[in-house]
Amino acid sequence: GKVVDASGLGARSVISTISASSVNAATNKRAIINHSLNTLDVIVQLHDTDTDGTVYAQVTRTSDGGSTQSADHITVDFGRDIENDVKCIIMSAKGGTSKTPTYA
């Protein structure tokens, strides 16, 4: 099996802060992040930097919010203005172990 320590996780994760002053739901409601992880298998978590509350937004694996997939970008679409900056944590699941679920 593989052993992944903190240094290995760092190479498979990206942290970006989306500025509240740059997001305007009427004109600039999208934040595009180039994570350069070279995979569509990413997990994205968003949270408010002031309250630490989870922020919900539409996240697509595209470089423009369109329908063309990108293995190196995500687009975060906000439906409204955001009050505070939003921290975006992107982690790669590339190479993860696949498991089949059981059902009860």
N, C-alpha and C. Protein backbone atom coordinates (compact mmCIF):
# COMPACT_ATOMS: atom_id res chain seq x y z
N GLY A 1 0.81 -1.18 0.00
CA GLY A 1 0.00 0.00 0.00
C GLY A 1 0.85 1.24 0.00
N LYS A 2 0.21 2.33 -0.31
CA LYS A 2 0.87 3.62 -0.33
C LYS A 2 0.72 4.31 1.02
N VAL A 3 1.76 5.01 1.40
CA VAL A 3 1.71 5.84 2.60
C VAL A 3 1.76 7.29 2.13
N VAL A 4 0.77 8.07 2.53
CA VAL A 4 0.74 9.48 2.16
C VAL A 4 0.88 10.29 3.43
N ASP A 5 1.93 11.10 3.49
CA ASP A 5 2.10 11.97 4.64
C ASP A 5 1.72 13.40 4.25
N ALA A 6 1.92 14.34 5.14
CA ALA A 6 1.52 15.73 4.89
C ALA A 6 2.20 16.32 3.66
N SER A 7 3.44 15.94 3.39
CA SER A 7 4.13 16.49 2.23
C SER A 7 3.49 16.00 0.94
N GLY A 8 2.99 14.77 0.92
CA GLY A 8 2.30 14.25 -0.26
C GLY A 8 0.95 14.90 -0.47
N LEU A 9 0.25 15.19 0.61
CA LEU A 9 -1.05 15.87 0.49
C LEU A 9 -0.88 17.29 -0.01
N GLY A 10 0.17 17.96 0.40
CA GLY A 10 0.42 19.33 -0.04
C GLY A 10 0.60 19.43 -1.54
N ALA A 11 1.19 18.40 -2.14
CA ALA A 11 1.39 18.39 -3.58
C ALA A 11 0.09 18.12 -4.33
N ARG A 12 -0.95 17.70 -3.61
CA ARG A 12 -2.22 17.37 -4.24
C ARG A 12 -3.34 18.28 -3.78
N SER A 13 -2.99 19.46 -3.26
CA SER A 13 -4.02 20.38 -2.81
C SER A 13 -3.64 21.82 -3.14
N VAL A 14 -4.67 22.65 -3.28
CA VAL A 14 -4.50 24.06 -3.60
C VAL A 14 -5.46 24.85 -2.72
N ILE A 15 -5.01 25.98 -2.20
CA ILE A 15 -5.87 26.88 -1.44
C ILE A 15 -5.87 28.23 -2.13
N SER A 16 -7.06 28.78 -2.36
CA SER A 16 -7.21 30.06 -3.01
C SER A 16 -8.27 30.87 -2.26
N THR A 17 -8.07 32.16 -2.14
CA THR A 17 -9.05 33.02 -1.49
C THR A 17 -9.76 33.86 -2.54
N ILE A 18 -11.08 33.75 -2.57
CA ILE A 18 -11.92 34.51 -3.49
C ILE A 18 -12.32 35.79 -2.77
N SER A 19 -11.98 36.92 -3.36
CA SER A 19 -12.21 38.23 -2.75
C SER A 19 -13.67 38.65 -2.90
N ALA A 20 -14.30 38.99 -1.78
CA ALA A 20 -15.70 39.44 -1.80
C ALA A 20 -15.84 40.71 -2.63
N SER A 21 -14.84 41.57 -2.61
CA SER A 21 -14.93 42.82 -3.36
C SER A 21 -14.82 42.61 -4.87
N SER A 22 -14.37 41.44 -5.29
CA SER A 22 -14.26 41.14 -6.72
C SER A 22 -15.47 40.41 -7.27
N VAL A 23 -16.36 39.94 -6.39
CA VAL A 23 -17.55 39.19 -6.82
C VAL A 23 -18.76 40.12 -6.77
N ASN A 24 -19.40 40.26 -7.91
CA ASN A 24 -20.63 41.03 -8.01
C ASN A 24 -21.59 40.16 -8.81
N ALA A 25 -22.65 39.71 -8.19
CA ALA A 25 -23.56 38.75 -8.82
C ALA A 25 -24.14 39.26 -10.14
N ALA A 26 -24.21 40.57 -10.31
CA ALA A 26 -24.77 41.12 -11.55
C ALA A 26 -23.77 41.06 -12.71
N THR A 27 -22.47 41.16 -12.42
CA THR A 27 -21.49 41.22 -13.51
C THR A 27 -20.35 40.21 -13.39
N ASN A 28 -19.75 40.09 -12.23
CA ASN A 28 -18.59 39.21 -12.03
C ASN A 28 -18.90 38.15 -11.00
N LYS A 29 -19.85 37.28 -11.30
CA LYS A 29 -20.27 36.31 -10.30
C LYS A 29 -19.42 35.04 -10.31
N ARG A 30 -18.43 34.98 -11.17
CA ARG A 30 -17.60 33.79 -11.29
C ARG A 30 -16.17 34.04 -10.83
N ALA A 31 -15.64 33.04 -10.17
CA ALA A 31 -14.21 33.02 -9.84
C ALA A 31 -13.65 31.78 -10.53
N ILE A 32 -12.61 31.96 -11.32
CA ILE A 32 -11.97 30.85 -12.03
C ILE A 32 -10.61 30.61 -11.39
N ILE A 33 -10.38 29.38 -10.99
CA ILE A 33 -9.13 29.04 -10.31
C ILE A 33 -8.39 27.99 -11.13
N ASN A 34 -7.14 28.30 -11.47
CA ASN A 34 -6.27 27.35 -12.16
C ASN A 34 -5.51 26.58 -11.09
N HIS A 35 -5.95 25.36 -10.81
CA HIS A 35 -5.32 24.56 -9.75
C HIS A 35 -4.16 23.72 -10.26
N SER A 36 -4.07 23.48 -11.56
CA SER A 36 -2.97 22.75 -12.19
C SER A 36 -2.74 21.35 -11.61
N LEU A 37 -3.80 20.70 -11.14
CA LEU A 37 -3.67 19.35 -10.58
C LEU A 37 -3.82 18.27 -11.65
N ASN A 38 -4.18 18.66 -12.87
CA ASN A 38 -4.25 17.76 -14.02
C ASN A 38 -5.19 16.57 -13.79
N THR A 39 -6.36 16.86 -13.24
CA THR A 39 -7.36 15.81 -13.05
C THR A 39 -8.74 16.44 -12.86
N LEU A 40 -9.77 15.73 -13.30
CA LEU A 40 -11.14 16.13 -13.03
C LEU A 40 -11.58 15.64 -11.65
N ASP A 41 -10.82 14.72 -11.07
CA ASP A 41 -11.14 14.14 -9.76
C ASP A 41 -10.65 15.05 -8.64
N VAL A 42 -11.40 16.14 -8.43
CA VAL A 42 -11.06 17.07 -7.37
C VAL A 42 -12.24 17.25 -6.43
N ILE A 43 -11.93 17.54 -5.20
CA ILE A 43 -12.91 17.82 -4.17
C ILE A 43 -12.75 19.30 -3.83
N VAL A 44 -13.85 20.04 -3.81
CA VAL A 44 -13.80 21.48 -3.56
C VAL A 44 -14.62 21.80 -2.31
N GLN A 45 -14.01 22.52 -1.40
CA GLN A 45 -14.69 22.96 -0.17
C GLN A 45 -14.55 24.47 -0.09
N LEU A 46 -15.66 25.16 0.18
CA LEU A 46 -15.67 26.62 0.28
C LEU A 46 -16.10 27.02 1.68
N HIS A 47 -15.40 28.00 2.27
CA HIS A 47 -15.87 28.51 3.57
C HIS A 47 -15.56 29.98 3.72
N ASP A 48 -16.43 30.67 4.46
CA ASP A 48 -16.34 32.10 4.74
C ASP A 48 -15.14 32.34 5.64
N THR A 49 -14.28 33.27 5.26
CA THR A 49 -13.06 33.50 6.06
C THR A 49 -13.33 34.21 7.37
N ASP A 50 -14.47 34.88 7.50
CA ASP A 50 -14.80 35.56 8.77
C ASP A 50 -15.55 34.65 9.74
N THR A 51 -16.53 33.91 9.24
CA THR A 51 -17.37 33.10 10.12
C THR A 51 -16.99 31.62 10.14
N ASP A 52 -16.17 31.19 9.19
CA ASP A 52 -15.80 29.78 8.99
C ASP A 52 -16.98 28.91 8.59
N GLY A 53 -18.11 29.51 8.26
CA GLY A 53 -19.27 28.76 7.79
C GLY A 53 -19.08 28.26 6.36
N THR A 54 -19.69 27.15 6.05
CA THR A 54 -19.62 26.60 4.70
C THR A 54 -20.36 27.53 3.74
N VAL A 55 -19.75 27.75 2.58
CA VAL A 55 -20.36 28.57 1.53
C VAL A 55 -20.77 27.63 0.41
N TYR A 56 -21.99 27.80 -0.07
CA TYR A 56 -22.50 26.96 -1.15
C TYR A 56 -22.49 27.75 -2.45
N ALA A 57 -21.97 27.14 -3.49
CA ALA A 57 -21.90 27.76 -4.81
C ALA A 57 -21.88 26.64 -5.85
N GLN A 58 -22.14 27.00 -7.08
CA GLN A 58 -22.07 26.03 -8.19
C GLN A 58 -20.61 25.93 -8.60
N VAL A 59 -20.05 24.73 -8.53
CA VAL A 59 -18.66 24.51 -8.92
C VAL A 59 -18.65 23.59 -10.14
N THR A 60 -17.98 24.04 -11.20
CA THR A 60 -17.82 23.21 -12.39
C THR A 60 -16.34 23.01 -12.66
N ARG A 61 -16.02 21.93 -13.30
CA ARG A 61 -14.64 21.63 -13.65
C ARG A 61 -14.39 22.15 -15.07
N THR A 62 -14.46 23.48 -15.20
CA THR A 62 -14.27 24.16 -16.47
C THR A 62 -13.41 25.39 -16.24
N SER A 63 -12.91 25.97 -17.34
CA SER A 63 -12.11 27.19 -17.22
C SER A 63 -12.92 28.44 -17.53
N ASP A 64 -14.24 28.26 -17.78
CA ASP A 64 -15.06 29.42 -18.14
C ASP A 64 -16.52 29.29 -17.71
N GLY A 65 -16.85 28.28 -16.94
CA GLY A 65 -18.23 28.07 -16.53
C GLY A 65 -19.08 27.44 -17.62
N GLY A 66 -18.48 27.14 -18.76
CA GLY A 66 -19.21 26.54 -19.88
C GLY A 66 -19.28 25.03 -19.77
N SER A 67 -19.39 24.37 -20.91
CA SER A 67 -19.56 22.91 -20.91
C SER A 67 -18.27 22.15 -21.22
N THR A 68 -17.19 22.85 -21.56
CA THR A 68 -15.94 22.17 -21.88
C THR A 68 -15.15 21.92 -20.61
N GLN A 69 -14.92 20.65 -20.30
CA GLN A 69 -14.22 20.29 -19.08
C GLN A 69 -12.76 20.71 -19.11
N SER A 70 -12.22 20.99 -17.93
CA SER A 70 -10.80 21.32 -17.79
C SER A 70 -10.24 20.51 -16.63
N ALA A 71 -9.12 19.84 -16.85
CA ALA A 71 -8.46 19.07 -15.80
C ALA A 71 -7.59 19.96 -14.91
N ASP A 72 -7.50 21.25 -15.24
CA ASP A 72 -6.64 22.16 -14.49
C ASP A 72 -7.36 23.36 -13.90
N HIS A 73 -8.67 23.46 -14.10
CA HIS A 73 -9.42 24.62 -13.62
C HIS A 73 -10.72 24.21 -12.95
N ILE A 74 -11.19 25.09 -12.07
CA ILE A 74 -12.58 25.03 -11.62
C ILE A 74 -13.16 26.43 -11.76
N THR A 75 -14.47 26.49 -11.96
CA THR A 75 -15.18 27.77 -11.98
C THR A 75 -16.18 27.72 -10.83
N VAL A 76 -16.15 28.75 -9.99
CA VAL A 76 -17.06 28.86 -8.86
C VAL A 76 -18.07 29.96 -9.20
N ASP A 77 -19.35 29.59 -9.33
CA ASP A 77 -20.42 30.55 -9.64
C ASP A 77 -21.23 30.84 -8.39
N PHE A 78 -21.31 32.11 -8.05
CA PHE A 78 -22.12 32.54 -6.91
C PHE A 78 -23.43 33.10 -7.44
N GLY A 79 -24.53 32.75 -6.83
CA GLY A 79 -25.84 33.23 -7.25
C GLY A 79 -26.15 34.63 -6.74
N ARG A 80 -25.32 35.12 -5.83
CA ARG A 80 -25.54 36.45 -5.25
C ARG A 80 -24.19 36.99 -4.79
N ASP A 81 -24.19 38.25 -4.37
CA ASP A 81 -22.97 38.84 -3.82
C ASP A 81 -22.56 38.05 -2.57
N ILE A 82 -21.28 38.00 -2.32
CA ILE A 82 -20.81 37.36 -1.09
C ILE A 82 -20.36 38.46 -0.12
N GLU A 83 -20.66 38.26 1.15
CA GLU A 83 -20.38 39.28 2.16
C GLU A 83 -18.91 39.33 2.57
N ASN A 84 -18.28 38.17 2.63
CA ASN A 84 -16.90 38.08 3.09
C ASN A 84 -16.08 37.29 2.08
N ASP A 85 -14.76 37.38 2.20
CA ASP A 85 -13.90 36.57 1.35
C ASP A 85 -14.21 35.09 1.59
N VAL A 86 -13.97 34.28 0.56
CA VAL A 86 -14.26 32.85 0.64
C VAL A 86 -12.97 32.07 0.37
N LYS A 87 -12.61 31.21 1.31
CA LYS A 87 -11.45 30.34 1.11
C LYS A 87 -11.91 29.12 0.34
N CYS A 88 -11.19 28.78 -0.71
CA CYS A 88 -11.50 27.64 -1.56
C CYS A 88 -10.36 26.63 -1.42
N ILE A 89 -10.69 25.44 -0.95
CA ILE A 89 -9.71 24.37 -0.79
C ILE A 89 -10.01 23.32 -1.85
N ILE A 90 -9.02 23.02 -2.67
CA ILE A 90 -9.17 22.05 -3.75
C ILE A 90 -8.20 20.92 -3.49
N MET A 91 -8.72 19.69 -3.43
CA MET A 91 -7.87 18.52 -3.20
C MET A 91 -8.07 17.52 -4.32
N SER A 92 -7.00 16.92 -4.74
CA SER A 92 -7.04 15.93 -5.80
C SER A 92 -7.32 14.54 -5.23
N ALA A 93 -8.23 13.84 -5.89
CA ALA A 93 -8.50 12.45 -5.53
C ALA A 93 -7.85 11.51 -6.55
N LYS A 94 -7.03 12.08 -7.45
CA LYS A 94 -6.37 11.30 -8.50
C LYS A 94 -5.49 10.22 -7.86
N GLY A 95 -5.66 9.00 -8.32
CA GLY A 95 -4.87 7.90 -7.80
C GLY A 95 -5.43 7.29 -6.53
N GLY A 96 -6.57 7.79 -6.08
CA GLY A 96 -7.20 7.23 -4.89
C GLY A 96 -7.66 5.81 -5.12
N THR A 97 -7.84 5.08 -4.05
CA THR A 97 -8.30 3.70 -4.14
C THR A 97 -9.80 3.68 -4.37
N SER A 98 -10.23 2.92 -5.36
CA SER A 98 -11.65 2.79 -5.69
C SER A 98 -12.26 1.69 -4.84
N LYS A 99 -13.41 1.96 -4.26
CA LYS A 99 -14.12 0.99 -3.44
C LYS A 99 -15.56 0.84 -3.95
N THR A 100 -16.06 -0.38 -3.93
CA THR A 100 -17.43 -0.64 -4.33
C THR A 100 -18.33 -0.57 -3.09
N PRO A 101 -19.41 0.22 -3.16
CA PRO A 101 -20.27 0.30 -1.98
C PRO A 101 -21.06 -0.98 -1.76
N THR A 102 -21.47 -1.18 -0.52
CA THR A 102 -22.43 -2.24 -0.21
C THR A 102 -23.75 -1.56 0.10
N TYR A 103 -24.84 -2.28 -0.03
CA TYR A 103 -26.16 -1.69 0.15
C TYR A 103 -26.94 -2.48 1.18
N ALA A 104 -27.69 -1.79 2.00
CA ALA A 104 -28.47 -2.47 3.04
C ALA A 104 -29.93 -2.07 2.92
